[in-house]
Amino acid sequence: RQYNTITDLSVSLARICGLTSQGLERSEGCEGPEKNETLELAFPNFAYSVGLAGILQKSPDMSLLNHLTLEQILDAEGAEDLEGDLLTFARLMRALLYFPGAVRPLLEEAAVQLDSPKGSEWISLLTQPPFVDSLTYRHAQHSVAQGRISAAYAKLCGPLWKDEPVKVLHACAVRWVKLHE
């Protein structure tokens, strides 16, 4: 399978759409690609898909998650220095931070019973910072569109998140809560 295709597509479509690492349109005189032109910073479906591709490509070593620093997660340009499992974790944690509204529909479509004991762990996580105040920090102009994209992505790709991917997503959410403390 070609798991890197989603990452390549994210970069090439970002260039076509004129997206830069700052999320602004490129000026006409700008030559060459910017270091971090990618749709995973603008669209939830790309953000979660590149993380999922990393999990499906190779089962990540969960012990490495605690070695990921806040700077590595937040610095998308610096993430290019990451590789393998650390890159997968950084991408998933960025997806959780930028698009927390996608988590609940994704869990529902991945058949996570939120009213079960395992589901209550998720509910507990999602009611803690940085997730609890996600409505306060959502994008003012594009949040409705991002919500619709998240719901559509969950419907189409939710089943791919069953089993190991949802466990990795859970571990990343736990790490976010710990980093926020």
C-alpha atoms as a PDB file:
ATOM      1  CA  ARG A   1       0.000   0.000   0.000  1.00  0.00           C
ATOM      2  CA  GLN A   2       1.096   3.539  -0.647  1.00  0.00           C
ATOM      3  CA  TYR A   3       0.685   5.264   2.712  1.00  0.00           C
ATOM      4  CA  ASN A   4       2.885   8.211   1.764  1.00  0.00           C
ATOM      5  CA  THR A   5       0.513   9.165  -1.049  1.00  0.00           C
ATOM      6  CA  ILE A   6      -1.779  11.113   1.308  1.00  0.00           C
ATOM      7  CA  THR A   7       1.141  13.221   2.539  1.00  0.00           C
ATOM      8  CA  ASP A   8       2.341  13.888  -1.014  1.00  0.00           C
ATOM      9  CA  LEU A   9      -1.202  14.772  -2.080  1.00  0.00           C
ATOM     10  CA  SER A  10      -1.562  17.126   0.885  1.00  0.00           C
ATOM     11  CA  VAL A  11       1.544  19.024  -0.166  1.00  0.00           C
ATOM     12  CA  SER A  12       0.795  19.154  -3.898  1.00  0.00           C
ATOM     13  CA  LEU A  13      -2.827  20.275  -3.407  1.00  0.00           C
ATOM     14  CA  ALA A  14      -1.707  22.953  -0.948  1.00  0.00           C
ATOM     15  CA  ARG A  15       0.567  24.398  -3.603  1.00  0.00           C
ATOM     16  CA  ILE A  16      -2.232  24.385  -6.178  1.00  0.00           C
ATOM     17  CA  CYS A  17      -4.614  26.095  -3.718  1.00  0.00           C
ATOM     18  CA  GLY A  18      -2.010  28.712  -2.791  1.00  0.00           C
ATOM     19  CA  LEU A  19      -1.801  27.691   0.856  1.00  0.00           C
ATOM     20  CA  THR A  20       1.354  28.627   2.710  1.00  0.00           C
ATOM     21  CA  SER A  21       2.597  27.657   6.148  1.00  0.00           C
ATOM     22  CA  GLN A  22       0.970  30.842   7.447  1.00  0.00           C
ATOM     23  CA  GLY A  23      -2.335  29.897   5.799  1.00  0.00           C
ATOM     24  CA  LEU A  24      -2.237  32.916   3.473  1.00  0.00           C
ATOM     25  CA  GLU A  25      -2.229  33.069  -0.271  1.00  0.00           C
ATOM     26  CA  ARG A  26       1.202  33.216  -1.814  1.00  0.00           C
ATOM     27  CA  SER A  27       2.264  36.415  -3.475  1.00  0.00           C
ATOM     28  CA  GLU A  28       2.746  36.328  -7.244  1.00  0.00           C
ATOM     29  CA  GLY A  29       6.503  36.806  -7.074  1.00  0.00           C
ATOM     30  CA  CYS A  30       7.027  33.941  -4.635  1.00  0.00           C
ATOM     31  CA  GLU A  31       9.238  31.272  -6.184  1.00  0.00           C
ATOM     32  CA  GLY A  32       9.529  27.644  -5.104  1.00  0.00           C
ATOM     33  CA  PRO A  33       7.664  25.705  -2.443  1.00  0.00           C
ATOM     34  CA  GLU A  34       7.577  26.888   1.121  1.00  0.00           C
ATOM     35  CA  LYS A  35       8.961  24.532   3.728  1.00  0.00           C
ATOM     36  CA  ASN A  36       5.596  23.569   5.199  1.00  0.00           C
ATOM     37  CA  GLU A  37       2.864  23.853   2.595  1.00  0.00           C
ATOM     38  CA  THR A  38       0.395  21.148   3.484  1.00  0.00           C
ATOM     39  CA  LEU A  39      -3.358  20.755   3.764  1.00  0.00           C
ATOM     40  CA  GLU A  40      -3.074  18.919   7.075  1.00  0.00           C
ATOM     41  CA  LEU A  41      -2.866  22.303   8.793  1.00  0.00           C
ATOM     42  CA  ALA A  42      -6.070  23.534   7.120  1.00  0.00           C
ATOM     43  CA  PHE A  43      -8.420  20.551   6.778  1.00  0.00           C
ATOM     44  CA  PRO A  44      -9.303  17.958   9.422  1.00  0.00           C
ATOM     45  CA  ASN A  45      -9.602  15.119   6.925  1.00  0.00           C
ATOM     46  CA  PHE A  46      -5.993  15.599   5.825  1.00  0.00           C
ATOM     47  CA  ALA A  47      -4.768  16.144   9.396  1.00  0.00           C
ATOM     48  CA  TYR A  48      -6.191  12.858  10.648  1.00  0.00           C
ATOM     49  CA  SER A  49      -5.449  10.939   7.430  1.00  0.00           C
ATOM     50  CA  VAL A  50      -1.702  11.583   7.455  1.00  0.00           C
ATOM     51  CA  GLY A  51      -1.564  10.381  11.063  1.00  0.00           C
ATOM     52  CA  LEU A  52      -3.660   7.328  10.231  1.00  0.00           C
ATOM     53  CA  ALA A  53      -1.399   6.529   7.278  1.00  0.00           C
ATOM     54  CA  GLY A  54       1.601   6.491   9.617  1.00  0.00           C
ATOM     55  CA  ILE A  55      -0.145   4.046  11.954  1.00  0.00           C
ATOM     56  CA  LEU A  56      -1.267   1.748   9.141  1.00  0.00           C
ATOM     57  CA  GLN A  57       2.166   1.809   7.536  1.00  0.00           C
ATOM     58  CA  LYS A  58       3.897   0.609  10.678  1.00  0.00           C
ATOM     59  CA  SER A  59       2.600  -0.092  14.146  1.00  0.00           C
ATOM     60  CA  PRO A  60       4.161   2.725  16.209  1.00  0.00           C
ATOM     61  CA  ASP A  61       6.312   2.155  19.267  1.00  0.00           C
ATOM     62  CA  MET A  62       4.115   3.694  21.967  1.00  0.00           C
ATOM     63  CA  SER A  63       7.075   4.192  24.326  1.00  0.00           C
ATOM     64  CA  LEU A  64       8.366   6.947  22.013  1.00  0.00           C
ATOM     65  CA  LEU A  65       5.275   9.106  22.558  1.00  0.00           C
ATOM     66  CA  ASN A  66       6.590  10.403  25.883  1.00  0.00           C
ATOM     67  CA  HIS A  67       9.779  11.597  24.161  1.00  0.00           C
ATOM     68  CA  LEU A  68       7.859  13.957  21.885  1.00  0.00           C
ATOM     69  CA  THR A  69       8.224  17.538  23.073  1.00  0.00           C
ATOM     70  CA  LEU A  70       5.703  20.327  22.869  1.00  0.00           C
ATOM     71  CA  GLU A  71       8.023  22.227  20.537  1.00  0.00           C
ATOM     72  CA  GLN A  72       8.200  19.279  18.149  1.00  0.00           C
ATOM     73  CA  ILE A  73       4.415  19.027  18.069  1.00  0.00           C
ATOM     74  CA  LEU A  74       3.697  22.712  17.577  1.00  0.00           C
ATOM     75  CA  ASP A  75       6.527  23.509  15.170  1.00  0.00           C
ATOM     76  CA  ALA A  76       5.206  22.036  11.949  1.00  0.00           C
ATOM     77  CA  GLU A  77       8.350  23.097  10.094  1.00  0.00           C
ATOM     78  CA  GLY A  78      10.575  21.484  12.723  1.00  0.00           C
ATOM     79  CA  ALA A  79       8.543  18.292  12.409  1.00  0.00           C
ATOM     80  CA  GLU A  80      10.312  17.684   9.116  1.00  0.00           C
ATOM     81  CA  ASP A  81      13.302  16.638  11.236  1.00  0.00           C
ATOM     82  CA  LEU A  82      11.134  13.955  12.835  1.00  0.00           C
ATOM     83  CA  GLU A  83      10.666  10.619  11.190  1.00  0.00           C
ATOM     84  CA  GLY A  84       8.865   7.352  11.701  1.00  0.00           C
ATOM     85  CA  ASP A  85       6.840   6.974  14.862  1.00  0.00           C
ATOM     86  CA  LEU A  86       7.664  10.423  16.247  1.00  0.00           C
ATOM     87  CA  LEU A  87       6.385  12.027  13.044  1.00  0.00           C
ATOM     88  CA  THR A  88       3.186   9.954  13.231  1.00  0.00           C
ATOM     89  CA  PHE A  89       2.615  11.007  16.838  1.00  0.00           C
ATOM     90  CA  ALA A  90       3.340  14.681  16.095  1.00  0.00           C
ATOM     91  CA  ARG A  91       0.864  14.666  13.203  1.00  0.00           C
ATOM     92  CA  LEU A  92      -1.866  13.021  15.280  1.00  0.00           C
ATOM     93  CA  MET A  93      -1.318  15.375  18.185  1.00  0.00           C
ATOM     94  CA  ARG A  94      -1.470  18.356  15.834  1.00  0.00           C
ATOM     95  CA  ALA A  95      -4.724  17.000  14.390  1.00  0.00           C
ATOM     96  CA  LEU A  96      -6.141  16.659  17.914  1.00  0.00           C
ATOM     97  CA  LEU A  97      -5.125  20.207  18.777  1.00  0.00           C
ATOM     98  CA  TYR A  98      -6.268  21.911  15.563  1.00  0.00           C
ATOM     99  CA  PHE A  99      -9.428  19.852  15.012  1.00  0.00           C
ATOM    100  CA  PRO A 100     -10.685  18.442  18.324  1.00  0.00           C
ATOM    101  CA  GLY A 101     -14.251  18.552  17.021  1.00  0.00           C
ATOM    102  CA  ALA A 102     -13.459  15.640  14.721  1.00  0.00           C
ATOM    103  CA  VAL A 103     -12.683  13.244  17.574  1.00  0.00           C
ATOM    104  CA  ARG A 104     -16.187  12.442  18.805  1.00  0.00           C
ATOM    105  CA  PRO A 105     -17.686  11.655  15.352  1.00  0.00           C
ATOM    106  CA  LEU A 106     -14.564   9.646  14.537  1.00  0.00           C
ATOM    107  CA  LEU A 107     -14.933   7.592  17.719  1.00  0.00           C
ATOM    108  CA  GLU A 108     -18.616   6.965  17.054  1.00  0.00           C
ATOM    109  CA  GLU A 109     -17.902   5.735  13.520  1.00  0.00           C
ATOM    110  CA  ALA A 110     -15.001   3.613  14.802  1.00  0.00           C
ATOM    111  CA  ALA A 111     -17.563   1.830  17.009  1.00  0.00           C
ATOM    112  CA  VAL A 112     -16.198   3.157  20.314  1.00  0.00           C
ATOM    113  CA  GLN A 113     -19.103   2.936  22.749  1.00  0.00           C
ATOM    114  CA  LEU A 114     -18.856   6.244  24.575  1.00  0.00           C
ATOM    115  CA  ASP A 115     -21.342   5.049  27.225  1.00  0.00           C
ATOM    116  CA  SER A 116     -19.125   2.058  28.095  1.00  0.00           C
ATOM    117  CA  PRO A 117     -16.236   2.002  30.603  1.00  0.00           C
ATOM    118  CA  LYS A 118     -13.719   2.398  27.762  1.00  0.00           C
ATOM    119  CA  GLY A 119     -15.814   5.199  26.290  1.00  0.00           C
ATOM    120  CA  SER A 120     -15.938   6.965  29.639  1.00  0.00           C
ATOM    121  CA  GLU A 121     -12.133   7.261  29.466  1.00  0.00           C
ATOM    122  CA  TRP A 122     -12.603   9.183  26.226  1.00  0.00           C
ATOM    123  CA  ILE A 123     -15.339  11.354  27.719  1.00  0.00           C
ATOM    124  CA  SER A 124     -13.048  12.135  30.665  1.00  0.00           C
ATOM    125  CA  LEU A 125     -10.234  13.134  28.289  1.00  0.00           C
ATOM    126  CA  LEU A 126     -12.450  15.303  26.121  1.00  0.00           C
ATOM    127  CA  THR A 127     -13.713  17.228  29.157  1.00  0.00           C
ATOM    128  CA  GLN A 128     -10.195  18.324  30.120  1.00  0.00           C
ATOM    129  CA  PRO A 129      -7.977  21.026  28.660  1.00  0.00           C
ATOM    130  CA  PRO A 130      -6.969  21.437  25.870  1.00  0.00           C
ATOM    131  CA  PHE A 131     -10.094  19.731  24.501  1.00  0.00           C
ATOM    132  CA  VAL A 132     -12.788  21.181  26.742  1.00  0.00           C
ATOM    133  CA  ASP A 133     -12.322  24.749  25.512  1.00  0.00           C
ATOM    134  CA  SER A 134     -12.005  23.915  21.821  1.00  0.00           C
ATOM    135  CA  LEU A 135     -15.125  25.918  20.927  1.00  0.00           C
ATOM    136  CA  THR A 136     -13.469  29.038  22.294  1.00  0.00           C
ATOM    137  CA  TYR A 137     -10.453  28.627  20.016  1.00  0.00           C
ATOM    138  CA  ARG A 138     -12.080  27.369  16.825  1.00  0.00           C
ATOM    139  CA  HIS A 139     -11.543  29.163  13.546  1.00  0.00           C
ATOM    140  CA  ALA A 140     -13.902  32.136  13.361  1.00  0.00           C
ATOM    141  CA  GLN A 141     -14.588  31.914   9.636  1.00  0.00           C
ATOM    142  CA  HIS A 142     -14.112  28.255   8.715  1.00  0.00           C
ATOM    143  CA  SER A 143     -15.286  26.322  11.783  1.00  0.00           C
ATOM    144  CA  VAL A 144     -18.648  25.340  10.255  1.00  0.00           C
ATOM    145  CA  ALA A 145     -16.986  24.014   7.097  1.00  0.00           C
ATOM    146  CA  GLN A 146     -14.343  22.216   9.153  1.00  0.00           C
ATOM    147  CA  GLY A 147     -17.109  20.636  11.243  1.00  0.00           C
ATOM    148  CA  ARG A 148     -18.872  19.383   8.127  1.00  0.00           C
ATOM    149  CA  ILE A 149     -15.621  18.045   6.712  1.00  0.00           C
ATOM    150  CA  SER A 150     -14.932  16.307  10.041  1.00  0.00           C
ATOM    151  CA  ALA A 151     -18.363  14.667  10.034  1.00  0.00           C
ATOM    152  CA  ALA A 152     -17.988  13.501   6.432  1.00  0.00           C
ATOM    153  CA  TYR A 153     -14.475  12.204   7.108  1.00  0.00           C
ATOM    154  CA  ALA A 154     -15.697  10.299  10.166  1.00  0.00           C
ATOM    155  CA  LYS A 155     -18.513   8.704   8.145  1.00  0.00           C
ATOM    156  CA  LEU A 156     -16.200   7.619   5.352  1.00  0.00           C
ATOM    157  CA  CYS A 157     -13.043   6.743   7.258  1.00  0.00           C
ATOM    158  CA  GLY A 158     -14.230   5.985  10.794  1.00  0.00           C
ATOM    159  CA  PRO A 159     -14.073   2.219  10.289  1.00  0.00           C
ATOM    160  CA  LEU A 160     -10.362   2.519   9.434  1.00  0.00           C
ATOM    161  CA  TRP A 161      -9.754   3.874  12.941  1.00  0.00           C
ATOM    162  CA  LYS A 162     -10.922   0.703  14.713  1.00  0.00           C
ATOM    163  CA  ASP A 163      -8.551  -1.224  16.952  1.00  0.00           C
ATOM    164  CA  GLU A 164      -4.945  -0.006  16.939  1.00  0.00           C
ATOM    165  CA  PRO A 165      -5.479   3.440  15.355  1.00  0.00           C
ATOM    166  CA  VAL A 166      -8.025   4.417  18.009  1.00  0.00           C
ATOM    167  CA  LYS A 167      -5.648   3.182  20.725  1.00  0.00           C
ATOM    168  CA  VAL A 168      -2.867   5.373  19.323  1.00  0.00           C
ATOM    169  CA  LEU A 169      -5.273   8.307  19.086  1.00  0.00           C
ATOM    170  CA  HIS A 170      -6.228   7.736  22.731  1.00  0.00           C
ATOM    171  CA  ALA A 171      -2.572   7.681  23.800  1.00  0.00           C
ATOM    172  CA  CYS A 172      -1.983  10.957  21.947  1.00  0.00           C
ATOM    173  CA  ALA A 173      -5.009  12.543  23.647  1.00  0.00           C
ATOM    174  CA  VAL A 174      -3.713  11.397  27.037  1.00  0.00           C
ATOM    175  CA  ARG A 175      -0.323  12.925  26.220  1.00  0.00           C
ATOM    176  CA  TRP A 176      -1.989  16.233  25.340  1.00  0.00           C
ATOM    177  CA  VAL A 177      -3.794  16.339  28.666  1.00  0.00           C
ATOM    178  CA  LYS A 178      -0.541  15.627  30.502  1.00  0.00           C
ATOM    179  CA  LEU A 179       1.327  18.292  28.530  1.00  0.00           C
ATOM    180  CA  HIS A 180      -1.415  20.788  29.309  1.00  0.00           C
ATOM    181  CA  GLU A 181      -1.088  20.222  33.065  1.00  0.00           C
END
